[in-house]
Amino acid sequence: TVGGGASSVECKYTVTGFSNGAAGGNCTDISKVIITISEENEVGQNKTVTICDSDLTPINLFSKLDAGYTPGGTWSQAMSSMGSLNGSMFTPVIGNYSTILTYTVVANGTCPAKSVTVTVVVKPKADAGTDGNHEVCENAITQINLFDYITDEQSGGSWTRNGNSISNLYTPTTGTV
C-alpha cells in the first residue's frame, strides 16, 4: 500500500535447472527481493501568523500546521531573542519583529526529511492617544482641531463621527455636539 503507512512487497526470481526425478533432486534456485515502501513525511504549507504585541499569549505551533502533518518532528527557532520556544509552544515578546520557527521531521527510510515554517509577525499595538474634552459655548462655535484635545497619539489614524469619516478640523453645530 502506498500512502497508508509503510509496507513491503516480496518479489521472487526463480531459475529452474534440470530435474531427473526423485533420484537426482531438483536444481531450481530462488532469490528474493523485499521492497519496503516508506511513508512520506507530511508537513503542509508554510504559514504566517500576525499578532499584536499587546496579546503575548503563548502559541501552540502545532495548531498552525495543516491537518495531517507527520508527528514526531522537532521545532527550532532561527533567532531566539525574538520570543522563546519551549517544545511546540512559542511565547512572543513585546516589539515589532518577525521570527521564523521551523518544524522538521527526520527522514523516513528513503523518504527525505521535510520542514515547514511558521513565521510569527509581532506588530506594536496601535495607540490613538489619551482621550480629551473640549467645551464650547453655542454662540461661539468655531472650527476645532481635534488633535489639540488628545495627547500622545500615533499618526496615521482617521477621525469619524457617528460612523462617518470627518476631518480633524471639525466645526460643531448647535444640536449636533
N, C-alpha and C. Protein backbone atom coordinates (compact mmCIF):
# COMPACT_ATOMS: atom_id res chain seq x y z
N THR A 1 0.84 -1.19 0.00
CA THR A 1 0.00 0.00 0.00
C THR A 1 0.88 1.24 0.00
N VAL A 2 0.46 2.23 -0.72
CA VAL A 2 1.18 3.50 -0.75
C VAL A 2 0.26 4.53 -0.13
N GLY A 3 0.81 5.38 0.75
CA GLY A 3 0.03 6.43 1.38
C GLY A 3 -0.67 5.98 2.64
N GLY A 4 -0.69 4.70 2.94
CA GLY A 4 -1.36 4.23 4.13
C GLY A 4 -0.37 3.75 5.18
N GLY A 5 0.86 4.11 5.06
CA GLY A 5 1.87 3.67 6.01
C GLY A 5 2.89 2.80 5.30
N ALA A 6 3.93 2.45 6.02
CA ALA A 6 4.99 1.63 5.45
C ALA A 6 4.45 0.23 5.18
N SER A 7 4.90 -0.36 4.08
CA SER A 7 4.54 -1.73 3.74
C SER A 7 5.70 -2.34 2.98
N SER A 8 5.62 -3.63 2.76
CA SER A 8 6.67 -4.27 2.00
C SER A 8 6.08 -5.25 1.00
N VAL A 9 6.86 -5.50 -0.02
CA VAL A 9 6.47 -6.40 -1.10
C VAL A 9 7.63 -7.36 -1.32
N GLU A 10 7.34 -8.63 -1.49
CA GLU A 10 8.38 -9.62 -1.77
C GLU A 10 8.27 -10.06 -3.23
N CYS A 11 9.37 -9.98 -3.92
CA CYS A 11 9.44 -10.43 -5.32
C CYS A 11 10.44 -11.59 -5.38
N LYS A 12 10.13 -12.61 -6.18
CA LYS A 12 11.00 -13.79 -6.28
C LYS A 12 11.50 -13.96 -7.70
N TYR A 13 12.74 -14.37 -7.80
CA TYR A 13 13.36 -14.71 -9.08
C TYR A 13 13.68 -16.20 -9.01
N THR A 14 13.17 -16.94 -9.95
CA THR A 14 13.35 -18.39 -9.94
C THR A 14 14.07 -18.82 -11.20
N VAL A 15 15.09 -19.65 -11.01
CA VAL A 15 15.79 -20.28 -12.13
C VAL A 15 15.59 -21.79 -11.97
N THR A 16 15.00 -22.37 -12.99
CA THR A 16 14.75 -23.81 -12.94
C THR A 16 15.84 -24.52 -13.72
N GLY A 17 16.51 -25.40 -13.02
CA GLY A 17 17.55 -26.23 -13.67
C GLY A 17 16.90 -27.51 -14.16
N PHE A 18 17.63 -28.52 -14.21
CA PHE A 18 17.07 -29.79 -14.66
C PHE A 18 16.66 -30.62 -13.47
N SER A 19 15.79 -31.55 -13.71
CA SER A 19 15.35 -32.47 -12.69
C SER A 19 15.34 -33.86 -13.30
N ASN A 20 15.97 -34.80 -12.64
CA ASN A 20 15.95 -36.15 -13.19
C ASN A 20 15.16 -37.08 -12.28
N GLY A 21 14.16 -36.52 -11.73
CA GLY A 21 13.28 -37.34 -10.91
C GLY A 21 13.74 -37.40 -9.47
N ALA A 22 13.20 -38.34 -8.77
CA ALA A 22 13.44 -38.47 -7.34
C ALA A 22 14.89 -38.75 -7.01
N ALA A 23 15.60 -39.43 -7.85
CA ALA A 23 16.98 -39.80 -7.54
C ALA A 23 17.95 -38.64 -7.72
N GLY A 24 17.67 -37.73 -8.68
CA GLY A 24 18.62 -36.67 -9.00
C GLY A 24 18.36 -35.38 -8.27
N GLY A 25 17.23 -35.21 -7.66
CA GLY A 25 16.92 -33.98 -6.95
C GLY A 25 16.46 -32.87 -7.87
N ASN A 26 16.31 -31.70 -7.33
CA ASN A 26 15.82 -30.54 -8.06
C ASN A 26 16.92 -29.51 -8.10
N CYS A 27 17.22 -28.99 -9.26
CA CYS A 27 18.27 -27.97 -9.43
C CYS A 27 17.68 -26.59 -9.61
N THR A 28 16.59 -26.27 -8.97
CA THR A 28 15.93 -24.97 -9.05
C THR A 28 16.45 -24.08 -7.92
N ASP A 29 16.63 -22.79 -8.22
CA ASP A 29 17.07 -21.84 -7.20
C ASP A 29 16.17 -20.61 -7.22
N ILE A 30 15.96 -20.03 -6.05
CA ILE A 30 15.10 -18.84 -5.90
C ILE A 30 15.86 -17.78 -5.13
N SER A 31 15.80 -16.53 -5.64
CA SER A 31 16.29 -15.35 -4.92
C SER A 31 15.10 -14.45 -4.64
N LYS A 32 15.17 -13.76 -3.50
CA LYS A 32 14.07 -12.86 -3.12
C LYS A 32 14.59 -11.44 -3.03
N VAL A 33 13.73 -10.50 -3.38
CA VAL A 33 13.97 -9.08 -3.13
C VAL A 33 12.77 -8.57 -2.35
N ILE A 34 13.06 -7.99 -1.19
CA ILE A 34 11.98 -7.40 -0.40
C ILE A 34 12.07 -5.89 -0.57
N ILE A 35 11.01 -5.31 -1.04
CA ILE A 35 10.93 -3.87 -1.26
C ILE A 35 10.05 -3.28 -0.16
N THR A 36 10.65 -2.35 0.59
CA THR A 36 9.90 -1.67 1.65
C THR A 36 9.50 -0.30 1.14
N ILE A 37 8.24 -0.02 1.24
CA ILE A 37 7.72 1.28 0.82
C ILE A 37 7.50 2.10 2.08
N SER A 38 8.31 3.16 2.25
CA SER A 38 8.21 4.01 3.43
C SER A 38 7.18 5.11 3.21
N GLU A 39 6.49 5.43 4.28
CA GLU A 39 5.50 6.51 4.21
C GLU A 39 6.22 7.85 4.13
N GLU A 40 5.78 8.68 3.20
CA GLU A 40 6.38 10.00 3.05
C GLU A 40 5.92 10.91 4.17
N ASN A 41 6.84 11.71 4.69
CA ASN A 41 6.51 12.69 5.73
C ASN A 41 5.61 13.77 5.14
N GLU A 42 4.67 14.24 5.94
CA GLU A 42 3.79 15.34 5.55
C GLU A 42 3.97 16.49 6.53
N VAL A 43 4.19 17.68 6.03
CA VAL A 43 4.32 18.84 6.91
C VAL A 43 3.43 19.99 6.48
N GLY A 44 2.88 19.96 5.29
CA GLY A 44 1.97 21.02 4.84
C GLY A 44 2.71 22.22 4.30
N GLN A 45 2.00 23.34 4.28
CA GLN A 45 2.50 24.58 3.71
C GLN A 45 3.01 25.53 4.79
N ASN A 46 3.96 26.38 4.41
CA ASN A 46 4.45 27.42 5.32
C ASN A 46 3.29 28.35 5.70
N LYS A 47 3.33 28.85 6.92
CA LYS A 47 2.26 29.72 7.43
C LYS A 47 2.85 31.00 8.01
N THR A 48 2.04 32.05 8.04
CA THR A 48 2.39 33.29 8.71
C THR A 48 1.27 33.65 9.66
N VAL A 49 1.65 33.98 10.89
CA VAL A 49 0.70 34.37 11.93
C VAL A 49 1.08 35.78 12.37
N THR A 50 0.13 36.72 12.30
CA THR A 50 0.40 38.09 12.73
C THR A 50 -0.39 38.36 14.00
N ILE A 51 0.34 38.88 15.01
CA ILE A 51 -0.30 39.17 16.29
C ILE A 51 0.09 40.58 16.74
N CYS A 52 -0.67 41.10 17.68
CA CYS A 52 -0.39 42.40 18.28
C CYS A 52 0.44 42.17 19.53
N ASP A 53 1.42 43.02 19.78
CA ASP A 53 2.28 42.81 20.95
C ASP A 53 1.57 43.07 22.27
N SER A 54 0.29 43.42 22.22
CA SER A 54 -0.48 43.53 23.45
C SER A 54 -1.10 42.18 23.83
N ASP A 55 -1.00 41.19 22.92
CA ASP A 55 -1.50 39.84 23.20
C ASP A 55 -0.33 38.87 23.08
N LEU A 56 0.34 38.64 24.18
CA LEU A 56 1.53 37.81 24.17
C LEU A 56 1.24 36.41 24.70
N THR A 57 0.03 35.93 24.41
CA THR A 57 -0.36 34.58 24.81
C THR A 57 0.51 33.56 24.08
N PRO A 58 1.02 32.55 24.78
CA PRO A 58 1.81 31.51 24.09
C PRO A 58 1.01 30.87 22.95
N ILE A 59 1.71 30.54 21.88
CA ILE A 59 1.10 29.98 20.67
C ILE A 59 1.51 28.52 20.56
N ASN A 60 0.53 27.61 20.46
CA ASN A 60 0.82 26.21 20.18
C ASN A 60 1.05 26.10 18.67
N LEU A 61 2.30 25.92 18.29
CA LEU A 61 2.66 25.94 16.86
C LEU A 61 2.01 24.81 16.08
N PHE A 62 1.75 23.68 16.72
CA PHE A 62 1.08 22.58 16.01
C PHE A 62 -0.30 23.01 15.52
N SER A 63 -0.96 23.94 16.24
CA SER A 63 -2.28 24.40 15.82
C SER A 63 -2.21 25.23 14.54
N LYS A 64 -1.01 25.63 14.14
CA LYS A 64 -0.85 26.44 12.93
C LYS A 64 -0.48 25.59 11.72
N LEU A 65 -0.17 24.30 11.92
CA LEU A 65 0.19 23.43 10.81
C LEU A 65 -1.07 22.90 10.13
N ASP A 66 -0.91 22.50 8.86
CA ASP A 66 -2.00 21.87 8.13
C ASP A 66 -2.35 20.55 8.82
N ALA A 67 -3.62 20.15 8.72
CA ALA A 67 -4.03 18.86 9.25
C ALA A 67 -3.26 17.75 8.52
N GLY A 68 -2.95 16.70 9.24
CA GLY A 68 -2.29 15.56 8.62
C GLY A 68 -0.77 15.63 8.63
N TYR A 69 -0.19 16.58 9.37
CA TYR A 69 1.27 16.65 9.44
C TYR A 69 1.80 15.40 10.13
N THR A 70 3.03 15.03 9.81
CA THR A 70 3.66 13.87 10.44
C THR A 70 4.11 14.24 11.85
N PRO A 71 3.63 13.51 12.86
CA PRO A 71 4.06 13.81 14.23
C PRO A 71 5.50 13.33 14.48
N GLY A 72 6.05 13.76 15.59
CA GLY A 72 7.38 13.29 15.99
C GLY A 72 8.53 14.17 15.57
N GLY A 73 8.24 15.28 14.90
CA GLY A 73 9.29 16.20 14.49
C GLY A 73 9.69 17.12 15.63
N THR A 74 10.61 18.02 15.33
CA THR A 74 11.07 18.97 16.33
C THR A 74 10.95 20.39 15.80
N TRP A 75 10.76 21.32 16.73
CA TRP A 75 10.68 22.75 16.42
C TRP A 75 12.02 23.40 16.71
N SER A 76 12.40 24.37 15.88
CA SER A 76 13.59 25.17 16.12
C SER A 76 13.28 26.62 15.75
N GLN A 77 14.10 27.52 16.27
CA GLN A 77 13.88 28.95 16.05
C GLN A 77 15.18 29.57 15.58
N ALA A 78 15.10 30.35 14.50
CA ALA A 78 16.30 30.97 13.93
C ALA A 78 16.88 32.04 14.85
N MET A 79 16.04 32.88 15.42
CA MET A 79 16.52 33.98 16.26
C MET A 79 15.85 33.87 17.62
N SER A 80 16.56 33.32 18.60
CA SER A 80 15.95 33.07 19.90
C SER A 80 15.69 34.33 20.71
N SER A 81 16.24 35.46 20.29
CA SER A 81 15.98 36.70 21.02
C SER A 81 14.58 37.25 20.74
N MET A 82 13.91 36.68 19.78
CA MET A 82 12.58 37.13 19.40
C MET A 82 11.53 36.19 19.99
N GLY A 83 11.39 36.20 21.29
CA GLY A 83 10.44 35.31 21.95
C GLY A 83 11.15 34.04 22.37
N SER A 84 10.40 33.13 22.99
CA SER A 84 11.02 31.89 23.46
C SER A 84 10.23 30.68 22.97
N LEU A 85 10.96 29.63 22.63
CA LEU A 85 10.39 28.39 22.14
C LEU A 85 10.64 27.30 23.16
N ASN A 86 9.57 26.63 23.59
CA ASN A 86 9.68 25.52 24.52
C ASN A 86 8.85 24.38 23.94
N GLY A 87 9.53 23.42 23.32
CA GLY A 87 8.81 22.34 22.63
C GLY A 87 8.06 22.92 21.45
N SER A 88 6.74 22.79 21.47
CA SER A 88 5.92 23.36 20.38
C SER A 88 5.24 24.66 20.79
N MET A 89 5.57 25.17 21.97
CA MET A 89 4.95 26.41 22.46
C MET A 89 5.90 27.59 22.25
N PHE A 90 5.41 28.60 21.53
CA PHE A 90 6.19 29.82 21.30
C PHE A 90 5.55 30.95 22.09
N THR A 91 6.36 31.64 22.89
CA THR A 91 5.90 32.79 23.66
C THR A 91 6.54 34.04 23.09
N PRO A 92 5.74 34.91 22.45
CA PRO A 92 6.30 36.13 21.88
C PRO A 92 6.66 37.15 22.96
N VAL A 93 7.46 38.13 22.57
CA VAL A 93 7.81 39.25 23.45
C VAL A 93 7.35 40.54 22.78
N ILE A 94 7.30 41.61 23.56
CA ILE A 94 6.88 42.91 23.04
C ILE A 94 7.88 43.37 21.99
N GLY A 95 7.37 43.97 20.94
CA GLY A 95 8.24 44.52 19.91
C GLY A 95 7.57 44.58 18.56
N ASN A 96 8.38 44.87 17.56
CA ASN A 96 7.94 44.95 16.18
C ASN A 96 8.93 44.11 15.39
N TYR A 97 8.60 42.84 15.16
CA TYR A 97 9.55 41.91 14.56
C TYR A 97 8.84 40.72 13.94
N SER A 98 9.60 39.91 13.26
CA SER A 98 9.11 38.61 12.83
C SER A 98 10.18 37.58 13.15
N THR A 99 9.75 36.38 13.45
CA THR A 99 10.67 35.29 13.74
C THR A 99 10.17 34.04 13.03
N ILE A 100 11.10 33.24 12.57
CA ILE A 100 10.76 32.03 11.82
C ILE A 100 11.00 30.82 12.71
N LEU A 101 9.96 30.01 12.84
CA LEU A 101 10.01 28.78 13.61
C LEU A 101 9.85 27.62 12.62
N THR A 102 10.73 26.65 12.70
CA THR A 102 10.77 25.56 11.72
C THR A 102 10.44 24.23 12.38
N TYR A 103 9.51 23.50 11.77
CA TYR A 103 9.17 22.14 12.20
C TYR A 103 9.83 21.18 11.22
N THR A 104 10.65 20.28 11.75
CA THR A 104 11.39 19.35 10.90
C THR A 104 11.08 17.92 11.33
N VAL A 105 10.78 17.10 10.33
CA VAL A 105 10.57 15.67 10.53
C VAL A 105 11.73 14.95 9.86
N VAL A 106 12.41 14.06 10.59
CA VAL A 106 13.58 13.36 10.06
C VAL A 106 13.18 12.43 8.92
N ALA A 107 14.18 12.03 8.14
CA ALA A 107 13.96 11.11 7.02
C ALA A 107 13.29 9.83 7.52
N ASN A 108 12.46 9.27 6.69
CA ASN A 108 11.78 8.01 7.00
C ASN A 108 12.13 7.02 5.90
N GLY A 109 13.04 6.09 6.19
CA GLY A 109 13.51 5.17 5.16
C GLY A 109 14.25 5.96 4.10
N THR A 110 13.83 5.82 2.87
CA THR A 110 14.46 6.58 1.78
C THR A 110 13.75 7.90 1.51
N CYS A 111 12.66 8.15 2.24
CA CYS A 111 11.96 9.43 2.08
C CYS A 111 12.74 10.50 2.83
N PRO A 112 12.96 11.65 2.20
CA PRO A 112 13.80 12.68 2.81
C PRO A 112 13.11 13.36 4.01
N ALA A 113 13.94 13.98 4.83
CA ALA A 113 13.42 14.83 5.90
C ALA A 113 12.63 15.97 5.27
N LYS A 114 11.67 16.49 5.99
CA LYS A 114 10.88 17.62 5.49
C LYS A 114 10.74 18.66 6.58
N SER A 115 10.63 19.91 6.15
CA SER A 115 10.46 21.02 7.07
C SER A 115 9.38 21.96 6.58
N VAL A 116 8.78 22.65 7.52
CA VAL A 116 7.80 23.68 7.22
C VAL A 116 8.03 24.80 8.22
N THR A 117 7.73 26.03 7.83
CA THR A 117 7.96 27.16 8.75
C THR A 117 6.64 27.82 9.13
N VAL A 118 6.65 28.33 10.36
CA VAL A 118 5.59 29.22 10.83
C VAL A 118 6.30 30.53 11.17
N THR A 119 5.98 31.57 10.41
CA THR A 119 6.56 32.89 10.67
C THR A 119 5.60 33.65 11.57
N VAL A 120 6.09 34.05 12.73
CA VAL A 120 5.27 34.84 13.66
C VAL A 120 5.69 36.29 13.50
N VAL A 121 4.73 37.13 13.10
CA VAL A 121 4.96 38.56 12.93
C VAL A 121 4.28 39.26 14.11
N VAL A 122 5.08 40.02 14.86
CA VAL A 122 4.55 40.74 16.02
C VAL A 122 4.57 42.23 15.68
N LYS A 123 3.41 42.84 15.76
CA LYS A 123 3.25 44.27 15.46
C LYS A 123 2.91 45.02 16.74
N PRO A 124 3.42 46.24 16.88
CA PRO A 124 3.08 47.01 18.08
C PRO A 124 1.60 47.39 18.07
N LYS A 125 1.04 47.47 19.26
CA LYS A 125 -0.35 47.87 19.41
C LYS A 125 -0.49 49.32 18.93
N ALA A 126 -1.56 49.57 18.20
CA ALA A 126 -1.85 50.94 17.78
C ALA A 126 -2.15 51.80 19.01
N ASP A 127 -1.82 53.07 18.93
CA ASP A 127 -2.03 53.98 20.07
C ASP A 127 -2.71 55.25 19.59
N ALA A 128 -4.01 55.34 19.87
CA ALA A 128 -4.79 56.50 19.45
C ALA A 128 -4.65 57.67 20.43
N GLY A 129 -3.83 57.50 21.44
CA GLY A 129 -3.57 58.59 22.38
C GLY A 129 -4.49 58.57 23.57
N THR A 130 -4.41 59.65 24.34
CA THR A 130 -5.21 59.81 25.56
C THR A 130 -6.42 60.67 25.25
N ASP A 131 -7.57 60.21 25.70
CA ASP A 131 -8.83 60.94 25.45
C ASP A 131 -8.75 62.37 25.97
N GLY A 132 -9.54 63.23 25.34
CA GLY A 132 -9.60 64.62 25.77
C GLY A 132 -11.01 65.16 25.71
N ASN A 133 -11.20 66.34 26.24
CA ASN A 133 -12.50 67.02 26.25
C ASN A 133 -12.30 68.47 25.84
N HIS A 134 -13.34 69.04 25.28
CA HIS A 134 -13.31 70.46 24.93
C HIS A 134 -14.75 70.98 25.02
N GLU A 135 -14.91 72.11 25.65
CA GLU A 135 -16.23 72.68 25.81
C GLU A 135 -16.30 73.99 25.05
N VAL A 136 -17.42 74.21 24.33
CA VAL A 136 -17.62 75.46 23.61
C VAL A 136 -19.01 76.01 23.93
N CYS A 137 -19.12 77.30 23.86
CA CYS A 137 -20.41 77.96 24.05
C CYS A 137 -21.14 77.94 22.71
N GLU A 138 -22.44 77.71 22.74
CA GLU A 138 -23.16 77.57 21.49
C GLU A 138 -23.16 78.82 20.64
N ASN A 139 -22.94 79.99 21.20
CA ASN A 139 -22.90 81.20 20.36
C ASN A 139 -21.47 81.58 19.99
N ALA A 140 -20.49 80.71 20.32
CA ALA A 140 -19.10 80.99 19.97
C ALA A 140 -18.44 79.75 19.35
N ILE A 141 -19.21 79.04 18.55
CA ILE A 141 -18.68 77.81 17.93
C ILE A 141 -17.76 78.17 16.79
N THR A 142 -16.57 77.63 16.82
CA THR A 142 -15.59 77.82 15.74
C THR A 142 -15.00 76.46 15.38
N GLN A 143 -14.24 76.47 14.35
CA GLN A 143 -13.58 75.23 13.92
C GLN A 143 -12.59 74.76 14.99
N ILE A 144 -12.59 73.47 15.25
CA ILE A 144 -11.75 72.89 16.29
C ILE A 144 -10.79 71.90 15.63
N ASN A 145 -9.51 71.97 15.98
CA ASN A 145 -8.56 70.95 15.56
C ASN A 145 -8.61 69.85 16.62
N LEU A 146 -9.21 68.73 16.28
CA LEU A 146 -9.42 67.65 17.25
C LEU A 146 -8.12 67.12 17.82
N PHE A 147 -7.03 67.20 17.07
CA PHE A 147 -5.73 66.75 17.57
C PHE A 147 -5.26 67.57 18.77
N ASP A 148 -5.78 68.80 18.91
CA ASP A 148 -5.40 69.63 20.05
C ASP A 148 -5.93 69.08 21.38
N TYR A 149 -6.85 68.10 21.32
CA TYR A 149 -7.52 67.65 22.54
C TYR A 149 -7.25 66.18 22.88
N ILE A 150 -6.36 65.56 22.14
CA ILE A 150 -5.85 64.24 22.54
C ILE A 150 -4.33 64.36 22.63
N THR A 151 -3.71 63.48 23.38
CA THR A 151 -2.25 63.55 23.55
C THR A 151 -1.62 62.20 23.29
N ASP A 152 -0.36 62.24 22.87
CA ASP A 152 0.46 61.04 22.65
C ASP A 152 -0.12 60.08 21.63
N GLU A 153 -0.83 60.62 20.64
CA GLU A 153 -1.43 59.76 19.63
C GLU A 153 -0.39 59.35 18.58
N GLN A 154 -0.63 58.21 18.00
CA GLN A 154 0.18 57.70 16.90
C GLN A 154 -0.37 58.29 15.61
N SER A 155 0.47 58.62 14.67
CA SER A 155 0.00 59.17 13.40
C SER A 155 -0.58 58.05 12.53
N GLY A 156 -1.34 58.47 11.53
CA GLY A 156 -1.88 57.52 10.57
C GLY A 156 -3.30 57.08 10.82
N GLY A 157 -3.94 57.63 11.84
CA GLY A 157 -5.32 57.26 12.14
C GLY A 157 -6.31 58.09 11.34
N SER A 158 -7.58 57.90 11.63
CA SER A 158 -8.62 58.67 10.95
C SER A 158 -9.71 59.04 11.95
N TRP A 159 -10.37 60.12 11.70
CA TRP A 159 -11.44 60.61 12.56
C TRP A 159 -12.79 60.20 12.00
N THR A 160 -13.74 59.88 12.90
CA THR A 160 -15.11 59.58 12.50
C THR A 160 -16.07 60.21 13.50
N ARG A 161 -17.27 60.43 13.06
CA ARG A 161 -18.35 60.88 13.93
C ARG A 161 -19.60 60.16 13.48
N ASN A 162 -20.22 59.43 14.40
CA ASN A 162 -21.41 58.63 14.08
C ASN A 162 -21.15 57.67 12.92
N GLY A 163 -19.95 57.13 12.85
CA GLY A 163 -19.61 56.16 11.81
C GLY A 163 -19.22 56.78 10.48
N ASN A 164 -19.26 58.10 10.38
CA ASN A 164 -18.91 58.78 9.13
C ASN A 164 -17.54 59.43 9.26
N SER A 165 -16.76 59.37 8.22
CA SER A 165 -15.43 59.95 8.21
C SER A 165 -15.52 61.48 8.25
N ILE A 166 -14.66 62.07 9.11
CA ILE A 166 -14.60 63.53 9.20
C ILE A 166 -13.14 63.95 9.22
N SER A 167 -12.92 65.24 9.01
CA SER A 167 -11.58 65.81 9.08
C SER A 167 -11.24 66.07 10.54
N ASN A 168 -9.95 66.17 10.83
CA ASN A 168 -9.56 66.56 12.19
C ASN A 168 -9.93 68.02 12.47
N LEU A 169 -10.21 68.79 11.41
CA LEU A 169 -10.69 70.17 11.57
C LEU A 169 -12.21 70.09 11.54
N TYR A 170 -12.81 70.22 12.68
CA TYR A 170 -14.24 69.95 12.84
C TYR A 170 -14.94 71.20 13.38
N THR A 171 -16.08 71.52 12.78
CA THR A 171 -16.91 72.64 13.26
C THR A 171 -18.24 72.07 13.74
N PRO A 172 -18.41 72.03 15.06
CA PRO A 172 -19.69 71.52 15.56
C PRO A 172 -20.81 72.52 15.29
N THR A 173 -22.01 72.01 15.24
CA THR A 173 -23.16 72.90 15.07
C THR A 173 -24.12 72.66 16.24
N THR A 174 -24.93 73.64 16.52
CA THR A 174 -25.89 73.54 17.62
C THR A 174 -26.78 72.34 17.37
N GLY A 175 -26.96 71.53 18.40
CA GLY A 175 -27.85 70.36 18.29
C GLY A 175 -27.13 69.11 17.82
N THR A 176 -25.86 69.23 17.41
CA THR A 176 -25.15 68.04 16.92
C THR A 176 -23.92 67.72 17.77
N VAL A 177 -23.70 68.50 18.79
CA VAL A 177 -22.50 68.32 19.58
C VAL A 177 -22.56 67.05 20.39
